[in-house]
Amino acid sequence: MNEDAILPLLVLGVPLLLLLVFVIANFNRLVRVRQHIRESWADISVEMKRRYDLIPNLVETVKGYAAHEREIMEQVAKLRQQAMQNTGSAAAQAVDERALGIGVGRLLAVAEAYPDLKADAHFLALQQELTNTEDRIAASRRFYNGNVRELNQLCRAFPTNVLASVFGFEEASYFELEDQSQRAAPPVKY
């Protein structure tokens, strides 16, 4: 082949090759981040199911000591059912999970009024297990939100935003509290 023919091929071929490498690398990056979001949401789901399984035991234990606190126990059961049935976005799930967390907090606050219950080994084990589960949910939520942040940045920043739109990648929703007032502990009245 003639040297004069190779130079134009190199001038066109090298930039096209670099563009192809860029597209492939960033497409794979978008896929990886989206998969991390799915995996981290699955981790949150596992921990929420664990919490859903613990709550009826906690309610039954409290019920044995505080039968007249029926309204709070029924509310927690209703909130648990509502949260379990929510299969919407992370933002929609966060609303139900937040309400359930407040309800469980109120239930635990009621338990404070019963010294025998506070000393019950089964109740203490359930309370500890619930605390550990809440900690794991919080850690999983942070991991999920970090992955969401990365995907959202890729979907917004140039030039990966062009690739994201071409290949149908969309921003994900965070799993977080929406209102600062909801971050405060709920008041408990006896």
N, C-alpha and C. Protein backbone atom coordinates (compact mmCIF):
# COMPACT_ATOMS: atom_id res chain seq x y z
N MET A 1 0.83 -1.18 0.00
CA MET A 1 0.00 0.00 0.00
C MET A 1 0.89 1.25 0.00
N ASN A 2 0.42 2.25 -0.60
CA ASN A 2 1.13 3.51 -0.76
C ASN A 2 1.08 4.32 0.53
N GLU A 3 2.19 4.97 0.89
CA GLU A 3 2.24 5.81 2.11
C GLU A 3 1.26 6.96 2.03
N ASP A 4 1.00 7.47 0.87
CA ASP A 4 0.05 8.56 0.70
C ASP A 4 -1.37 8.11 1.01
N ALA A 5 -1.68 6.85 0.80
CA ALA A 5 -3.02 6.32 1.09
C ALA A 5 -3.20 5.99 2.57
N ILE A 6 -2.13 5.67 3.26
CA ILE A 6 -2.21 5.29 4.68
C ILE A 6 -2.46 6.51 5.57
N LEU A 7 -1.86 7.62 5.27
CA LEU A 7 -2.01 8.83 6.09
C LEU A 7 -3.46 9.28 6.22
N PRO A 8 -4.24 9.38 5.13
CA PRO A 8 -5.66 9.77 5.29
C PRO A 8 -6.46 8.73 6.10
N LEU A 9 -6.11 7.45 5.93
CA LEU A 9 -6.80 6.41 6.73
C LEU A 9 -6.50 6.57 8.21
N LEU A 10 -5.26 6.89 8.54
CA LEU A 10 -4.89 7.10 9.93
C LEU A 10 -5.57 8.35 10.49
N VAL A 11 -5.64 9.39 9.71
CA VAL A 11 -6.25 10.64 10.15
C VAL A 11 -7.74 10.42 10.45
N LEU A 12 -8.41 9.61 9.66
CA LEU A 12 -9.82 9.31 9.90
C LEU A 12 -10.02 8.17 10.89
N GLY A 13 -9.18 7.17 10.81
CA GLY A 13 -9.34 5.97 11.62
C GLY A 13 -9.05 6.14 13.09
N VAL A 14 -8.01 6.86 13.43
CA VAL A 14 -7.62 7.02 14.83
C VAL A 14 -8.71 7.77 15.61
N PRO A 15 -9.23 8.91 15.14
CA PRO A 15 -10.30 9.58 15.88
C PRO A 15 -11.57 8.72 16.00
N LEU A 16 -11.89 7.99 14.92
CA LEU A 16 -13.06 7.11 14.99
C LEU A 16 -12.86 5.99 15.99
N LEU A 17 -11.67 5.45 16.02
CA LEU A 17 -11.35 4.40 16.99
C LEU A 17 -11.43 4.94 18.41
N LEU A 18 -10.88 6.14 18.63
CA LEU A 18 -10.95 6.76 19.96
C LEU A 18 -12.39 7.04 20.37
N LEU A 19 -13.21 7.49 19.42
CA LEU A 19 -14.62 7.74 19.70
C LEU A 19 -15.34 6.44 20.06
N LEU A 20 -15.05 5.38 19.32
CA LEU A 20 -15.65 4.08 19.60
C LEU A 20 -15.25 3.58 20.99
N VAL A 21 -13.98 3.71 21.34
CA VAL A 21 -13.52 3.30 22.67
C VAL A 21 -14.22 4.13 23.75
N PHE A 22 -14.35 5.43 23.52
CA PHE A 22 -15.05 6.31 24.48
C PHE A 22 -16.50 5.87 24.66
N VAL A 23 -17.20 5.62 23.56
CA VAL A 23 -18.62 5.21 23.63
C VAL A 23 -18.75 3.90 24.38
N ILE A 24 -17.93 2.93 24.05
CA ILE A 24 -18.02 1.62 24.70
C ILE A 24 -17.70 1.73 26.19
N ALA A 25 -16.65 2.44 26.53
CA ALA A 25 -16.25 2.56 27.94
C ALA A 25 -17.34 3.26 28.75
N ASN A 26 -17.90 4.32 28.24
CA ASN A 26 -18.92 5.05 29.00
C ASN A 26 -20.26 4.33 29.00
N PHE A 27 -20.59 3.60 27.94
CA PHE A 27 -21.80 2.78 27.97
C PHE A 27 -21.67 1.72 29.05
N ASN A 28 -20.52 1.06 29.10
CA ASN A 28 -20.30 0.04 30.13
C ASN A 28 -20.33 0.65 31.53
N ARG A 29 -19.84 1.85 31.67
CA ARG A 29 -19.89 2.54 32.96
C ARG A 29 -21.34 2.81 33.39
N LEU A 30 -22.15 3.27 32.45
CA LEU A 30 -23.57 3.50 32.74
C LEU A 30 -24.27 2.20 33.13
N VAL A 31 -23.98 1.14 32.42
CA VAL A 31 -24.57 -0.17 32.74
C VAL A 31 -24.14 -0.63 34.13
N ARG A 32 -22.86 -0.45 34.44
CA ARG A 32 -22.33 -0.88 35.75
C ARG A 32 -23.01 -0.12 36.88
N VAL A 33 -23.14 1.18 36.71
CA VAL A 33 -23.76 1.99 37.77
C VAL A 33 -25.23 1.63 37.93
N ARG A 34 -25.93 1.43 36.82
CA ARG A 34 -27.34 1.03 36.90
C ARG A 34 -27.47 -0.31 37.62
N GLN A 35 -26.56 -1.24 37.34
CA GLN A 35 -26.60 -2.54 38.01
C GLN A 35 -26.30 -2.39 39.50
N HIS A 36 -25.38 -1.51 39.87
CA HIS A 36 -25.11 -1.26 41.29
C HIS A 36 -26.34 -0.70 41.98
N ILE A 37 -27.10 0.14 41.30
CA ILE A 37 -28.33 0.66 41.88
C ILE A 37 -29.32 -0.47 42.13
N ARG A 38 -29.45 -1.35 41.17
CA ARG A 38 -30.38 -2.49 41.34
C ARG A 38 -29.94 -3.39 42.50
N GLU A 39 -28.66 -3.66 42.56
CA GLU A 39 -28.15 -4.51 43.65
C GLU A 39 -28.32 -3.84 45.00
N SER A 40 -28.03 -2.55 45.08
CA SER A 40 -28.16 -1.87 46.37
C SER A 40 -29.62 -1.73 46.77
N TRP A 41 -30.53 -1.60 45.81
CA TRP A 41 -31.96 -1.58 46.15
C TRP A 41 -32.39 -2.95 46.67
N ALA A 42 -31.85 -4.00 46.10
CA ALA A 42 -32.15 -5.35 46.58
C ALA A 42 -31.68 -5.51 48.03
N ASP A 43 -30.52 -4.94 48.36
CA ASP A 43 -30.04 -4.99 49.75
C ASP A 43 -31.00 -4.28 50.69
N ILE A 44 -31.50 -3.13 50.26
CA ILE A 44 -32.47 -2.39 51.08
C ILE A 44 -33.74 -3.22 51.24
N SER A 45 -34.19 -3.84 50.17
CA SER A 45 -35.41 -4.65 50.22
C SER A 45 -35.28 -5.81 51.20
N VAL A 46 -34.12 -6.45 51.20
CA VAL A 46 -33.89 -7.57 52.13
C VAL A 46 -33.98 -7.08 53.57
N GLU A 47 -33.36 -5.96 53.86
CA GLU A 47 -33.38 -5.44 55.23
C GLU A 47 -34.78 -4.96 55.62
N MET A 48 -35.51 -4.37 54.68
CA MET A 48 -36.88 -3.94 55.00
C MET A 48 -37.76 -5.15 55.26
N LYS A 49 -37.59 -6.22 54.50
CA LYS A 49 -38.36 -7.44 54.75
C LYS A 49 -38.03 -7.99 56.14
N ARG A 50 -36.77 -7.93 56.50
CA ARG A 50 -36.36 -8.38 57.83
C ARG A 50 -37.09 -7.56 58.90
N ARG A 51 -37.16 -6.26 58.68
CA ARG A 51 -37.87 -5.39 59.63
C ARG A 51 -39.36 -5.74 59.65
N TYR A 52 -39.94 -5.96 58.46
CA TYR A 52 -41.36 -6.33 58.40
C TYR A 52 -41.63 -7.61 59.19
N ASP A 53 -40.67 -8.54 59.16
CA ASP A 53 -40.83 -9.80 59.90
C ASP A 53 -40.67 -9.61 61.41
N LEU A 54 -39.86 -8.65 61.82
CA LEU A 54 -39.63 -8.40 63.25
C LEU A 54 -40.80 -7.64 63.91
N ILE A 55 -41.43 -6.77 63.16
CA ILE A 55 -42.44 -5.89 63.75
C ILE A 55 -43.62 -6.65 64.37
N PRO A 56 -44.19 -7.66 63.71
CA PRO A 56 -45.30 -8.38 64.38
C PRO A 56 -44.89 -9.00 65.71
N ASN A 57 -43.67 -9.52 65.79
CA ASN A 57 -43.20 -10.09 67.06
C ASN A 57 -43.08 -9.01 68.13
N LEU A 58 -42.59 -7.86 67.74
CA LEU A 58 -42.47 -6.75 68.68
C LEU A 58 -43.84 -6.29 69.15
N VAL A 59 -44.78 -6.17 68.21
CA VAL A 59 -46.15 -5.76 68.56
C VAL A 59 -46.78 -6.77 69.52
N GLU A 60 -46.62 -8.04 69.24
CA GLU A 60 -47.20 -9.07 70.12
C GLU A 60 -46.59 -9.03 71.51
N THR A 61 -45.30 -8.80 71.58
CA THR A 61 -44.64 -8.72 72.88
C THR A 61 -45.15 -7.53 73.67
N VAL A 62 -45.25 -6.38 73.03
CA VAL A 62 -45.76 -5.18 73.70
C VAL A 62 -47.23 -5.38 74.08
N LYS A 63 -47.97 -6.03 73.22
CA LYS A 63 -49.41 -6.25 73.45
C LYS A 63 -49.64 -7.00 74.76
N GLY A 64 -48.75 -7.94 75.06
CA GLY A 64 -48.90 -8.70 76.29
C GLY A 64 -48.79 -7.84 77.54
N TYR A 65 -48.04 -6.76 77.47
CA TYR A 65 -47.83 -5.89 78.62
C TYR A 65 -48.71 -4.64 78.58
N ALA A 66 -49.05 -4.20 77.38
CA ALA A 66 -49.74 -2.91 77.24
C ALA A 66 -50.98 -3.07 76.38
N ALA A 67 -51.89 -3.88 76.84
CA ALA A 67 -53.09 -4.18 76.06
C ALA A 67 -53.91 -2.94 75.74
N HIS A 68 -53.90 -1.95 76.60
CA HIS A 68 -54.73 -0.77 76.35
C HIS A 68 -54.09 0.21 75.36
N GLU A 69 -52.92 -0.09 74.83
CA GLU A 69 -52.26 0.75 73.82
C GLU A 69 -52.59 0.21 72.43
N ARG A 70 -53.77 -0.31 72.26
CA ARG A 70 -54.20 -0.97 71.04
C ARG A 70 -54.10 -0.09 69.80
N GLU A 71 -54.41 1.19 69.91
CA GLU A 71 -54.42 2.09 68.76
C GLU A 71 -53.04 2.18 68.11
N ILE A 72 -52.01 2.30 68.91
CA ILE A 72 -50.65 2.40 68.37
C ILE A 72 -50.25 1.09 67.69
N MET A 73 -50.61 -0.03 68.32
CA MET A 73 -50.26 -1.32 67.74
C MET A 73 -50.98 -1.56 66.42
N GLU A 74 -52.25 -1.17 66.35
CA GLU A 74 -53.00 -1.31 65.09
C GLU A 74 -52.42 -0.40 64.01
N GLN A 75 -52.01 0.80 64.41
CA GLN A 75 -51.43 1.74 63.45
C GLN A 75 -50.12 1.17 62.90
N VAL A 76 -49.28 0.62 63.75
CA VAL A 76 -48.01 0.04 63.29
C VAL A 76 -48.28 -1.12 62.34
N ALA A 77 -49.24 -1.96 62.67
CA ALA A 77 -49.58 -3.09 61.79
C ALA A 77 -50.06 -2.58 60.42
N LYS A 78 -50.87 -1.54 60.43
CA LYS A 78 -51.38 -0.96 59.18
C LYS A 78 -50.23 -0.34 58.37
N LEU A 79 -49.34 0.38 59.03
CA LEU A 79 -48.20 1.00 58.35
C LEU A 79 -47.26 -0.06 57.77
N ARG A 80 -47.07 -1.14 58.50
CA ARG A 80 -46.23 -2.24 58.03
C ARG A 80 -46.82 -2.83 56.75
N GLN A 81 -48.12 -3.09 56.77
CA GLN A 81 -48.79 -3.66 55.60
C GLN A 81 -48.68 -2.73 54.39
N GLN A 82 -48.88 -1.45 54.63
CA GLN A 82 -48.80 -0.46 53.57
C GLN A 82 -47.39 -0.40 52.97
N ALA A 83 -46.39 -0.43 53.81
CA ALA A 83 -45.00 -0.38 53.34
C ALA A 83 -44.65 -1.65 52.57
N MET A 84 -45.12 -2.79 53.04
CA MET A 84 -44.83 -4.06 52.36
C MET A 84 -45.45 -4.09 50.97
N GLN A 85 -46.61 -3.48 50.80
CA GLN A 85 -47.31 -3.54 49.52
C GLN A 85 -46.82 -2.51 48.53
N ASN A 86 -46.03 -1.55 48.95
CA ASN A 86 -45.54 -0.51 48.06
C ASN A 86 -44.44 -1.08 47.16
N THR A 87 -44.68 -1.05 45.86
CA THR A 87 -43.69 -1.52 44.91
C THR A 87 -43.31 -0.41 43.93
N GLY A 88 -43.52 0.82 44.35
CA GLY A 88 -43.22 1.96 43.49
C GLY A 88 -41.75 2.32 43.52
N SER A 89 -41.50 3.57 43.18
CA SER A 89 -40.12 4.07 43.12
C SER A 89 -39.53 4.16 44.53
N ALA A 90 -38.25 4.40 44.58
CA ALA A 90 -37.57 4.56 45.87
C ALA A 90 -38.17 5.73 46.64
N ALA A 91 -38.51 6.80 45.94
CA ALA A 91 -39.09 7.97 46.61
C ALA A 91 -40.45 7.62 47.22
N ALA A 92 -41.26 6.86 46.49
CA ALA A 92 -42.57 6.45 47.01
C ALA A 92 -42.40 5.49 48.19
N GLN A 93 -41.46 4.60 48.08
CA GLN A 93 -41.20 3.65 49.16
C GLN A 93 -40.71 4.39 50.40
N ALA A 94 -39.91 5.42 50.20
CA ALA A 94 -39.36 6.19 51.32
C ALA A 94 -40.47 6.81 52.16
N VAL A 95 -41.55 7.24 51.52
CA VAL A 95 -42.67 7.85 52.26
C VAL A 95 -43.28 6.83 53.22
N ASP A 96 -43.55 5.62 52.71
CA ASP A 96 -44.14 4.58 53.56
C ASP A 96 -43.15 4.11 54.63
N GLU A 97 -41.89 3.97 54.28
CA GLU A 97 -40.89 3.53 55.24
C GLU A 97 -40.71 4.56 56.35
N ARG A 98 -40.77 5.81 55.99
CA ARG A 98 -40.64 6.89 56.98
C ARG A 98 -41.79 6.82 57.98
N ALA A 99 -43.01 6.64 57.46
CA ALA A 99 -44.18 6.55 58.33
C ALA A 99 -44.08 5.32 59.23
N LEU A 100 -43.62 4.21 58.69
CA LEU A 100 -43.45 2.99 59.49
C LEU A 100 -42.41 3.21 60.59
N GLY A 101 -41.32 3.85 60.25
CA GLY A 101 -40.27 4.14 61.24
C GLY A 101 -40.79 4.99 62.38
N ILE A 102 -41.61 5.98 62.06
CA ILE A 102 -42.21 6.84 63.10
C ILE A 102 -43.15 6.02 63.97
N GLY A 103 -43.94 5.14 63.33
CA GLY A 103 -44.86 4.29 64.09
C GLY A 103 -44.14 3.35 65.03
N VAL A 104 -43.07 2.73 64.55
CA VAL A 104 -42.28 1.82 65.40
C VAL A 104 -41.64 2.61 66.53
N GLY A 105 -41.18 3.82 66.23
CA GLY A 105 -40.61 4.67 67.29
C GLY A 105 -41.63 4.97 68.37
N ARG A 106 -42.85 5.24 67.97
CA ARG A 106 -43.92 5.48 68.95
C ARG A 106 -44.21 4.23 69.78
N LEU A 107 -44.18 3.07 69.11
CA LEU A 107 -44.41 1.80 69.82
C LEU A 107 -43.31 1.56 70.85
N LEU A 108 -42.08 1.82 70.48
CA LEU A 108 -40.97 1.65 71.42
C LEU A 108 -41.05 2.66 72.56
N ALA A 109 -41.54 3.86 72.26
CA ALA A 109 -41.71 4.86 73.31
C ALA A 109 -42.78 4.43 74.31
N VAL A 110 -43.83 3.79 73.83
CA VAL A 110 -44.87 3.27 74.72
C VAL A 110 -44.27 2.23 75.66
N ALA A 111 -43.38 1.42 75.12
CA ALA A 111 -42.75 0.36 75.92
C ALA A 111 -41.96 0.94 77.09
N GLU A 112 -41.48 2.16 76.94
CA GLU A 112 -40.72 2.80 78.02
C GLU A 112 -41.56 2.97 79.28
N ALA A 113 -42.87 3.02 79.15
CA ALA A 113 -43.75 3.22 80.30
C ALA A 113 -43.98 1.94 81.09
N TYR A 114 -43.47 0.82 80.62
CA TYR A 114 -43.71 -0.47 81.26
C TYR A 114 -42.39 -1.09 81.69
N PRO A 115 -42.00 -0.93 82.96
CA PRO A 115 -40.70 -1.44 83.43
C PRO A 115 -40.55 -2.95 83.24
N ASP A 116 -41.64 -3.70 83.43
CA ASP A 116 -41.55 -5.15 83.25
C ASP A 116 -41.25 -5.50 81.79
N LEU A 117 -41.86 -4.76 80.89
CA LEU A 117 -41.62 -4.99 79.47
C LEU A 117 -40.18 -4.63 79.10
N LYS A 118 -39.69 -3.52 79.62
CA LYS A 118 -38.33 -3.10 79.33
C LYS A 118 -37.31 -4.12 79.83
N ALA A 119 -37.68 -4.89 80.83
CA ALA A 119 -36.77 -5.89 81.39
C ALA A 119 -36.94 -7.26 80.73
N ASP A 120 -37.99 -7.44 79.93
CA ASP A 120 -38.27 -8.72 79.29
C ASP A 120 -37.18 -9.06 78.27
N ALA A 121 -36.59 -10.24 78.40
CA ALA A 121 -35.47 -10.64 77.55
C ALA A 121 -35.89 -10.73 76.08
N HIS A 122 -37.09 -11.24 75.84
CA HIS A 122 -37.56 -11.36 74.45
C HIS A 122 -37.73 -9.97 73.83
N PHE A 123 -38.31 -9.05 74.59
CA PHE A 123 -38.50 -7.69 74.10
C PHE A 123 -37.14 -7.04 73.83
N LEU A 124 -36.21 -7.20 74.75
CA LEU A 124 -34.88 -6.60 74.57
C LEU A 124 -34.17 -7.17 73.34
N ALA A 125 -34.31 -8.47 73.12
CA ALA A 125 -33.69 -9.09 71.94
C ALA A 125 -34.33 -8.56 70.66
N LEU A 126 -35.66 -8.45 70.66
CA LEU A 126 -36.35 -7.90 69.49
C LEU A 126 -35.94 -6.45 69.24
N GLN A 127 -35.88 -5.69 70.30
CA GLN A 127 -35.50 -4.28 70.18
C GLN A 127 -34.09 -4.15 69.63
N GLN A 128 -33.17 -4.98 70.11
CA GLN A 128 -31.79 -4.95 69.61
C GLN A 128 -31.73 -5.37 68.15
N GLU A 129 -32.47 -6.40 67.81
CA GLU A 129 -32.48 -6.87 66.42
C GLU A 129 -33.07 -5.82 65.49
N LEU A 130 -34.11 -5.14 65.94
CA LEU A 130 -34.71 -4.07 65.16
C LEU A 130 -33.72 -2.91 64.99
N THR A 131 -33.00 -2.58 66.04
CA THR A 131 -31.99 -1.52 65.96
C THR A 131 -30.90 -1.89 64.97
N ASN A 132 -30.43 -3.12 65.02
CA ASN A 132 -29.41 -3.58 64.06
C ASN A 132 -29.93 -3.53 62.63
N THR A 133 -31.19 -3.93 62.46
CA THR A 133 -31.79 -3.91 61.12
C THR A 133 -31.90 -2.48 60.62
N GLU A 134 -32.31 -1.56 61.47
CA GLU A 134 -32.40 -0.15 61.08
C GLU A 134 -31.03 0.39 60.68
N ASP A 135 -29.99 -0.02 61.40
CA ASP A 135 -28.63 0.41 61.05
C ASP A 135 -28.23 -0.13 59.67
N ARG A 136 -28.60 -1.38 59.40
CA ARG A 136 -28.26 -1.96 58.09
C ARG A 136 -29.07 -1.29 56.97
N ILE A 137 -30.31 -0.94 57.25
CA ILE A 137 -31.12 -0.21 56.26
C ILE A 137 -30.46 1.14 55.97
N ALA A 138 -30.03 1.83 57.00
CA ALA A 138 -29.39 3.14 56.82
C ALA A 138 -28.11 3.00 55.99
N ALA A 139 -27.31 1.98 56.27
CA ALA A 139 -26.08 1.78 55.51
C ALA A 139 -26.39 1.42 54.06
N SER A 140 -27.37 0.57 53.86
CA SER A 140 -27.77 0.19 52.50
C SER A 140 -28.33 1.40 51.75
N ARG A 141 -29.08 2.23 52.45
CA ARG A 141 -29.65 3.43 51.84
C ARG A 141 -28.53 4.39 51.40
N ARG A 142 -27.51 4.54 52.22
CA ARG A 142 -26.39 5.41 51.84
C ARG A 142 -25.68 4.87 50.60
N PHE A 143 -25.48 3.55 50.54
CA PHE A 143 -24.84 2.93 49.39
C PHE A 143 -25.70 3.11 48.14
N TYR A 144 -27.00 2.89 48.27
CA TYR A 144 -27.94 3.07 47.16
C TYR A 144 -27.91 4.52 46.67
N ASN A 145 -28.02 5.47 47.60
CA ASN A 145 -28.04 6.88 47.22
C ASN A 145 -26.73 7.31 46.57
N GLY A 146 -25.61 6.74 46.99
CA GLY A 146 -24.34 7.03 46.34
C GLY A 146 -24.32 6.56 44.90
N ASN A 147 -24.88 5.39 44.65
CA ASN A 147 -24.97 4.88 43.28
C ASN A 147 -25.93 5.72 42.45
N VAL A 148 -27.04 6.14 43.05
CA VAL A 148 -27.99 7.00 42.35
C VAL A 148 -27.32 8.32 41.98
N ARG A 149 -26.57 8.87 42.93
CA ARG A 149 -25.87 10.13 42.66
C ARG A 149 -24.92 9.98 41.47
N GLU A 150 -24.18 8.88 41.44
CA GLU A 150 -23.24 8.66 40.33
C GLU A 150 -23.97 8.55 38.99
N LEU A 151 -25.06 7.77 38.95
CA LEU A 151 -25.82 7.65 37.71
C LEU A 151 -26.41 8.99 37.30
N ASN A 152 -26.98 9.72 38.24
CA ASN A 152 -27.58 11.01 37.91
C ASN A 152 -26.53 11.99 37.40
N GLN A 153 -25.33 11.95 37.96
CA GLN A 153 -24.25 12.81 37.46
C GLN A 153 -23.88 12.44 36.03
N LEU A 154 -23.80 11.15 35.76
CA LEU A 154 -23.49 10.71 34.40
C LEU A 154 -24.58 11.11 33.41
N CYS A 155 -25.83 11.06 33.87
CA CYS A 155 -26.95 11.43 33.00
C CYS A 155 -27.04 12.94 32.77
N ARG A 156 -26.41 13.73 33.62
CA ARG A 156 -26.47 15.19 33.49
C ARG A 156 -25.21 15.80 32.87
N ALA A 157 -24.06 15.18 33.07
CA ALA A 157 -22.78 15.78 32.66
C ALA A 157 -22.48 15.46 31.20
N PHE A 158 -21.95 16.44 30.52
CA PHE A 158 -21.54 16.26 29.13
C PHE A 158 -20.18 15.59 29.11
N PRO A 159 -19.91 14.67 28.28
CA PRO A 159 -20.64 14.14 27.14
C PRO A 159 -21.42 12.86 27.45
N THR A 160 -21.32 12.36 28.70
CA THR A 160 -22.03 11.11 29.00
C THR A 160 -23.54 11.29 28.96
N ASN A 161 -24.04 12.52 29.14
CA ASN A 161 -25.48 12.73 29.07
C ASN A 161 -26.00 12.42 27.66
N VAL A 162 -25.19 12.66 26.64
CA VAL A 162 -25.59 12.34 25.27
C VAL A 162 -25.74 10.82 25.13
N LEU A 163 -24.76 10.10 25.61
CA LEU A 163 -24.83 8.63 25.55
C LEU A 163 -26.01 8.11 26.37
N ALA A 164 -26.21 8.67 27.54
CA ALA A 164 -27.32 8.22 28.39
C ALA A 164 -28.65 8.40 27.69
N SER A 165 -28.84 9.53 27.05
CA SER A 165 -30.12 9.76 26.36
C SER A 165 -30.26 8.87 25.12
N VAL A 166 -29.16 8.66 24.39
CA VAL A 166 -29.21 7.82 23.20
C VAL A 166 -29.56 6.37 23.58
N PHE A 167 -28.99 5.90 24.67
CA PHE A 167 -29.19 4.50 25.06
C PHE A 167 -30.32 4.32 26.08
N GLY A 168 -31.06 5.37 26.39
CA GLY A 168 -32.24 5.25 27.25
C GLY A 168 -31.97 5.15 28.74
N PHE A 169 -30.85 5.62 29.20
CA PHE A 169 -30.58 5.65 30.64
C PHE A 169 -31.28 6.86 31.23
N GLU A 170 -31.96 6.66 32.35
CA GLU A 170 -32.67 7.75 33.01
C GLU A 170 -32.16 7.93 34.42
N GLU A 171 -32.35 9.13 34.95
CA GLU A 171 -31.97 9.39 36.33
C GLU A 171 -32.82 8.55 37.27
N ALA A 172 -32.26 8.18 38.38
CA ALA A 172 -32.96 7.38 39.40
C ALA A 172 -33.36 8.30 40.55
N SER A 173 -34.32 7.84 41.35
CA SER A 173 -34.75 8.65 42.49
C SER A 173 -34.03 8.18 43.75
N TYR A 174 -33.76 9.13 44.62
CA TYR A 174 -33.09 8.85 45.89
C TYR A 174 -34.07 8.22 46.86
N PHE A 175 -33.53 7.50 47.83
CA PHE A 175 -34.32 6.92 48.91
C PHE A 175 -33.96 7.71 50.16
N GLU A 176 -34.71 8.78 50.41
CA GLU A 176 -34.36 9.68 51.51
C GLU A 176 -35.58 10.40 52.04
N LEU A 177 -35.38 11.07 53.17
CA LEU A 177 -36.42 11.91 53.73
C LEU A 177 -36.54 13.16 52.89
N GLU A 178 -37.77 13.59 52.63
CA GLU A 178 -37.99 14.73 51.75
C GLU A 178 -38.06 16.05 52.50
N ASP A 179 -38.56 16.01 53.71
CA ASP A 179 -38.84 17.23 54.45
C ASP A 179 -38.02 17.24 55.73
N GLN A 180 -37.38 18.35 56.03
CA GLN A 180 -36.56 18.45 57.24
C GLN A 180 -37.39 18.20 58.49
N SER A 181 -38.66 18.58 58.49
CA SER A 181 -39.49 18.38 59.67
C SER A 181 -39.71 16.89 59.94
N GLN A 182 -39.61 16.06 58.90
CA GLN A 182 -39.81 14.62 59.08
C GLN A 182 -38.57 13.96 59.68
N ARG A 183 -37.46 14.64 59.69
CA ARG A 183 -36.23 14.09 60.28
C ARG A 183 -36.26 14.14 61.80
N ALA A 184 -37.12 14.99 62.35
CA ALA A 184 -37.21 15.12 63.81
C ALA A 184 -37.98 13.93 64.38
N ALA A 185 -37.65 13.58 65.61
CA ALA A 185 -38.36 12.49 66.28
C ALA A 185 -39.80 12.90 66.53
N PRO A 186 -40.74 11.99 66.37
CA PRO A 186 -42.14 12.34 66.60
C PRO A 186 -42.40 12.53 68.09
N PRO A 187 -43.32 13.44 68.43
CA PRO A 187 -43.66 13.61 69.83
C PRO A 187 -44.47 12.41 70.32
N VAL A 188 -44.21 11.99 71.54
CA VAL A 188 -44.93 10.86 72.11
C VAL A 188 -45.72 11.36 73.30
N LYS A 189 -47.04 11.11 73.27
CA LYS A 189 -47.91 11.57 74.36
C LYS A 189 -48.54 10.36 75.03
N TYR A 190 -48.65 10.45 76.33
CA TYR A 190 -49.29 9.36 77.09
C TYR A 190 -50.60 9.85 77.65
